[in-house]
């Protein structure tokens, strides 16, 4: 493979790698920020009936909590309920919310750091593969 097709594969592979890497880095930075500045509260878990157009599987429950200034906030859980870590309807879970934007929440103990690190690793792998392929093609 060479010429224009090879160049296109190298460019798109490199761009995909950069995007995956940046997604992982931004996700990790956001997790650290919420751990640092997030206000800890207990949130009530509210099960919701999925609408026909809802394609998220498993469905994510609503979390309801009160902010320091007395506002009641309802947000979708950033993590789904699983058999290993259930979010039972009517139960409480510890969360941290961003005081500047209470819709940004982190469920304590359920951070998805492995997923963010996987994006970083996949991005770097794609970038290195594109550079290697580019050196061979060009």
C-alpha atoms as a PDB file:
ATOM      1  CA  UNK A   1       0.000   0.000   0.000  1.00  0.00           C
ATOM      2  CA  UNK A   2       1.416   3.345  -0.892  1.00  0.00           C
ATOM      3  CA  UNK A   3       0.655   6.682  -2.426  1.00  0.00           C
ATOM      4  CA  UNK A   4      -2.482   8.571  -1.574  1.00  0.00           C
ATOM      5  CA  UNK A   5      -4.304   5.623   0.045  1.00  0.00           C
ATOM      6  CA  UNK A   6      -1.388   4.887   2.372  1.00  0.00           C
ATOM      7  CA  UNK A   7      -1.076   8.541   3.295  1.00  0.00           C
ATOM      8  CA  UNK A   8      -4.805   8.720   4.070  1.00  0.00           C
ATOM      9  CA  UNK A   9      -4.603   5.668   6.358  1.00  0.00           C
ATOM     10  CA  UNK A  10      -1.641   7.177   8.211  1.00  0.00           C
ATOM     11  CA  UNK A  11      -3.348  10.569   8.662  1.00  0.00           C
ATOM     12  CA  UNK A  12      -6.685   9.135   9.801  1.00  0.00           C
ATOM     13  CA  UNK A  13      -4.986   6.667  12.132  1.00  0.00           C
ATOM     14  CA  UNK A  14      -2.906   9.440  13.678  1.00  0.00           C
ATOM     15  CA  UNK A  15      -5.922  11.717  14.077  1.00  0.00           C
ATOM     16  CA  UNK A  16      -7.936   8.913  15.686  1.00  0.00           C
ATOM     17  CA  UNK A  17      -5.060   8.205  18.048  1.00  0.00           C
ATOM     18  CA  UNK A  18      -4.765  11.853  19.041  1.00  0.00           C
ATOM     19  CA  UNK A  19      -8.525  12.098  19.667  1.00  0.00           C
ATOM     20  CA  UNK A  20      -8.565   8.914  21.804  1.00  0.00           C
ATOM     21  CA  UNK A  21      -5.522  10.083  23.774  1.00  0.00           C
ATOM     22  CA  UNK A  22      -7.027  13.511  24.425  1.00  0.00           C
ATOM     23  CA  UNK A  23     -10.370  11.975  25.463  1.00  0.00           C
ATOM     24  CA  UNK A  24      -8.575   9.864  28.064  1.00  0.00           C
ATOM     25  CA  UNK A  25      -6.454  12.733  29.356  1.00  0.00           C
ATOM     26  CA  UNK A  26      -9.441  15.071  29.658  1.00  0.00           C
ATOM     27  CA  UNK A  27     -11.474  12.351  31.419  1.00  0.00           C
ATOM     28  CA  UNK A  28      -8.691  11.712  33.932  1.00  0.00           C
ATOM     29  CA  UNK A  29      -8.270  15.433  34.552  1.00  0.00           C
ATOM     30  CA  UNK A  30     -12.021  15.813  35.154  1.00  0.00           C
ATOM     31  CA  UNK A  31     -11.999  12.893  37.622  1.00  0.00           C
ATOM     32  CA  UNK A  32      -9.110  14.441  39.563  1.00  0.00           C
ATOM     33  CA  UNK A  33     -10.789  17.859  39.553  1.00  0.00           C
ATOM     34  CA  UNK A  34     -14.074  16.486  40.909  1.00  0.00           C
ATOM     35  CA  UNK A  35     -12.218  14.537  43.606  1.00  0.00           C
ATOM     36  CA  UNK A  36     -10.410  17.741  44.600  1.00  0.00           C
ATOM     37  CA  UNK A  37     -13.179  20.400  44.468  1.00  0.00           C
ATOM     38  CA  UNK A  38     -16.297  18.240  44.593  1.00  0.00           C
ATOM     39  CA  UNK A  39     -18.656  18.666  47.501  1.00  0.00           C
ATOM     40  CA  UNK A  40     -19.477  15.278  49.081  1.00  0.00           C
ATOM     41  CA  UNK A  41     -23.184  14.475  49.598  1.00  0.00           C
ATOM     42  CA  UNK A  42     -25.438  11.443  49.685  1.00  0.00           C
ATOM     43  CA  UNK A  43     -27.686  11.076  46.668  1.00  0.00           C
ATOM     44  CA  UNK A  44     -30.990   9.250  46.500  1.00  0.00           C
ATOM     45  CA  UNK A  45     -31.133   6.691  43.677  1.00  0.00           C
ATOM     46  CA  UNK A  46     -34.331   6.880  41.610  1.00  0.00           C
ATOM     47  CA  UNK A  47     -35.012   4.129  39.105  1.00  0.00           C
ATOM     48  CA  UNK A  48     -36.497   5.322  35.840  1.00  0.00           C
ATOM     49  CA  UNK A  49     -38.551   3.566  33.258  1.00  0.00           C
ATOM     50  CA  UNK A  50     -36.581   3.600  30.006  1.00  0.00           C
ATOM     51  CA  UNK A  51     -38.340   5.241  27.085  1.00  0.00           C
ATOM     52  CA  UNK A  52     -38.551   3.332  23.768  1.00  0.00           C
ATOM     53  CA  UNK A  53     -35.879   5.569  22.252  1.00  0.00           C
ATOM     54  CA  UNK A  54     -33.552   5.046  25.224  1.00  0.00           C
ATOM     55  CA  UNK A  55     -30.695   2.897  23.967  1.00  0.00           C
ATOM     56  CA  UNK A  56     -28.384   2.972  26.973  1.00  0.00           C
ATOM     57  CA  UNK A  57     -27.970  -0.519  28.365  1.00  0.00           C
ATOM     58  CA  UNK A  58     -28.125  -0.960  31.233  1.00  0.00           C
ATOM     59  CA  UNK A  59     -30.242   2.162  31.921  1.00  0.00           C
ATOM     60  CA  UNK A  60     -28.703   4.693  34.228  1.00  0.00           C
ATOM     61  CA  UNK A  61     -30.789   5.717  37.229  1.00  0.00           C
ATOM     62  CA  UNK A  62     -31.398   9.267  38.360  1.00  0.00           C
ATOM     63  CA  UNK A  63     -29.494  10.639  41.331  1.00  0.00           C
ATOM     64  CA  UNK A  64     -31.205  13.267  43.482  1.00  0.00           C
ATOM     65  CA  UNK A  65     -29.353  15.370  46.038  1.00  0.00           C
ATOM     66  CA  UNK A  66     -29.441  18.754  47.726  1.00  0.00           C
ATOM     67  CA  UNK A  67     -26.656  21.283  47.173  1.00  0.00           C
ATOM     68  CA  UNK A  68     -25.124  23.433  49.893  1.00  0.00           C
ATOM     69  CA  UNK A  69     -27.378  26.333  48.916  1.00  0.00           C
ATOM     70  CA  UNK A  70     -30.547  24.215  49.221  1.00  0.00           C
ATOM     71  CA  UNK A  71     -31.258  23.447  45.552  1.00  0.00           C
ATOM     72  CA  UNK A  72     -32.504  19.949  44.748  1.00  0.00           C
ATOM     73  CA  UNK A  73     -30.672  18.544  41.730  1.00  0.00           C
ATOM     74  CA  UNK A  74     -31.571  15.471  39.674  1.00  0.00           C
ATOM     75  CA  UNK A  75     -28.976  14.077  37.267  1.00  0.00           C
ATOM     76  CA  UNK A  76     -28.447  10.828  35.425  1.00  0.00           C
ATOM     77  CA  UNK A  77     -25.888   8.637  37.112  1.00  0.00           C
ATOM     78  CA  UNK A  78     -22.520   8.774  35.325  1.00  0.00           C
ATOM     79  CA  UNK A  79     -22.223   5.004  35.898  1.00  0.00           C
ATOM     80  CA  UNK A  80     -24.811   2.259  35.364  1.00  0.00           C
ATOM     81  CA  UNK A  81     -26.097  -0.058  38.037  1.00  0.00           C
ATOM     82  CA  UNK A  82     -24.398  -3.442  37.792  1.00  0.00           C
ATOM     83  CA  UNK A  83     -24.759  -6.719  39.670  1.00  0.00           C
ATOM     84  CA  UNK A  84     -21.365  -6.127  41.262  1.00  0.00           C
ATOM     85  CA  UNK A  85     -22.113  -2.488  42.190  1.00  0.00           C
ATOM     86  CA  UNK A  86     -25.881  -2.070  42.263  1.00  0.00           C
ATOM     87  CA  UNK A  87     -27.599   1.283  42.505  1.00  0.00           C
ATOM     88  CA  UNK A  88     -30.856   0.120  44.115  1.00  0.00           C
ATOM     89  CA  UNK A  89     -33.993   2.220  43.749  1.00  0.00           C
ATOM     90  CA  UNK A  90     -34.511   4.162  46.973  1.00  0.00           C
ATOM     91  CA  UNK A  91     -30.931   3.590  48.127  1.00  0.00           C
ATOM     92  CA  UNK A  92     -28.293   6.212  48.788  1.00  0.00           C
ATOM     93  CA  UNK A  93     -24.858   6.542  47.231  1.00  0.00           C
ATOM     94  CA  UNK A  94     -22.004   8.911  48.063  1.00  0.00           C
ATOM     95  CA  UNK A  95     -21.378  11.446  45.299  1.00  0.00           C
ATOM     96  CA  UNK A  96     -19.284  14.526  44.760  1.00  0.00           C
ATOM     97  CA  UNK A  97     -20.696  17.415  42.782  1.00  0.00           C
ATOM     98  CA  UNK A  98     -19.054  20.459  41.270  1.00  0.00           C
ATOM     99  CA  UNK A  99     -20.247  23.528  43.227  1.00  0.00           C
ATOM    100  CA  UNK A 100     -19.975  25.650  40.063  1.00  0.00           C
ATOM    101  CA  UNK A 101     -22.095  23.159  38.058  1.00  0.00           C
ATOM    102  CA  UNK A 102     -23.960  20.647  40.253  1.00  0.00           C
ATOM    103  CA  UNK A 103     -24.895  18.588  37.179  1.00  0.00           C
ATOM    104  CA  UNK A 104     -21.271  17.380  37.081  1.00  0.00           C
ATOM    105  CA  UNK A 105     -21.157  14.487  39.536  1.00  0.00           C
ATOM    106  CA  UNK A 106     -18.831  11.670  40.467  1.00  0.00           C
ATOM    107  CA  UNK A 107     -20.102   8.562  42.257  1.00  0.00           C
ATOM    108  CA  UNK A 108     -17.487   7.903  44.931  1.00  0.00           C
ATOM    109  CA  UNK A 109     -15.810   4.536  44.541  1.00  0.00           C
ATOM    110  CA  UNK A 110     -17.234   4.026  41.036  1.00  0.00           C
ATOM    111  CA  UNK A 111     -14.816   6.150  39.033  1.00  0.00           C
ATOM    112  CA  UNK A 112     -13.991   4.671  35.663  1.00  0.00           C
ATOM    113  CA  UNK A 113     -10.268   5.355  35.703  1.00  0.00           C
ATOM    114  CA  UNK A 114      -9.454   2.120  33.856  1.00  0.00           C
ATOM    115  CA  UNK A 115     -11.587   3.252  30.941  1.00  0.00           C
ATOM    116  CA  UNK A 116      -9.797   6.611  30.793  1.00  0.00           C
ATOM    117  CA  UNK A 117      -6.386   4.934  30.944  1.00  0.00           C
ATOM    118  CA  UNK A 118      -7.514   2.555  28.182  1.00  0.00           C
ATOM    119  CA  UNK A 119      -8.310   5.563  25.975  1.00  0.00           C
ATOM    120  CA  UNK A 120      -4.873   7.036  26.673  1.00  0.00           C
ATOM    121  CA  UNK A 121      -3.139   3.723  25.882  1.00  0.00           C
ATOM    122  CA  UNK A 122      -5.222   3.106  22.751  1.00  0.00           C
ATOM    123  CA  UNK A 123      -4.527   6.620  21.531  1.00  0.00           C
ATOM    124  CA  UNK A 124      -0.792   6.255  22.029  1.00  0.00           C
ATOM    125  CA  UNK A 125      -0.833   2.828  20.355  1.00  0.00           C
ATOM    126  CA  UNK A 126      -2.718   4.190  17.333  1.00  0.00           C
ATOM    127  CA  UNK A 127      -0.366   7.166  17.093  1.00  0.00           C
ATOM    128  CA  UNK A 128       2.727   4.954  17.259  1.00  0.00           C
ATOM    129  CA  UNK A 129       1.263   2.536  14.694  1.00  0.00           C
ATOM    130  CA  UNK A 130       0.498   5.441  12.364  1.00  0.00           C
ATOM    131  CA  UNK A 131       4.013   6.832  12.713  1.00  0.00           C
ATOM    132  CA  UNK A 132       5.500   3.384  12.021  1.00  0.00           C
ATOM    133  CA  UNK A 133       3.222   2.840   9.048  1.00  0.00           C
ATOM    134  CA  UNK A 134       3.955   6.332   7.810  1.00  0.00           C
ATOM    135  CA  UNK A 135       7.699   5.711   7.921  1.00  0.00           C
ATOM    136  CA  UNK A 136       7.213   2.517   5.912  1.00  0.00           C
ATOM    137  CA  UNK A 137       4.808   4.034   3.361  1.00  0.00           C
ATOM    138  CA  UNK A 138       6.450   7.387   2.788  1.00  0.00           C
END
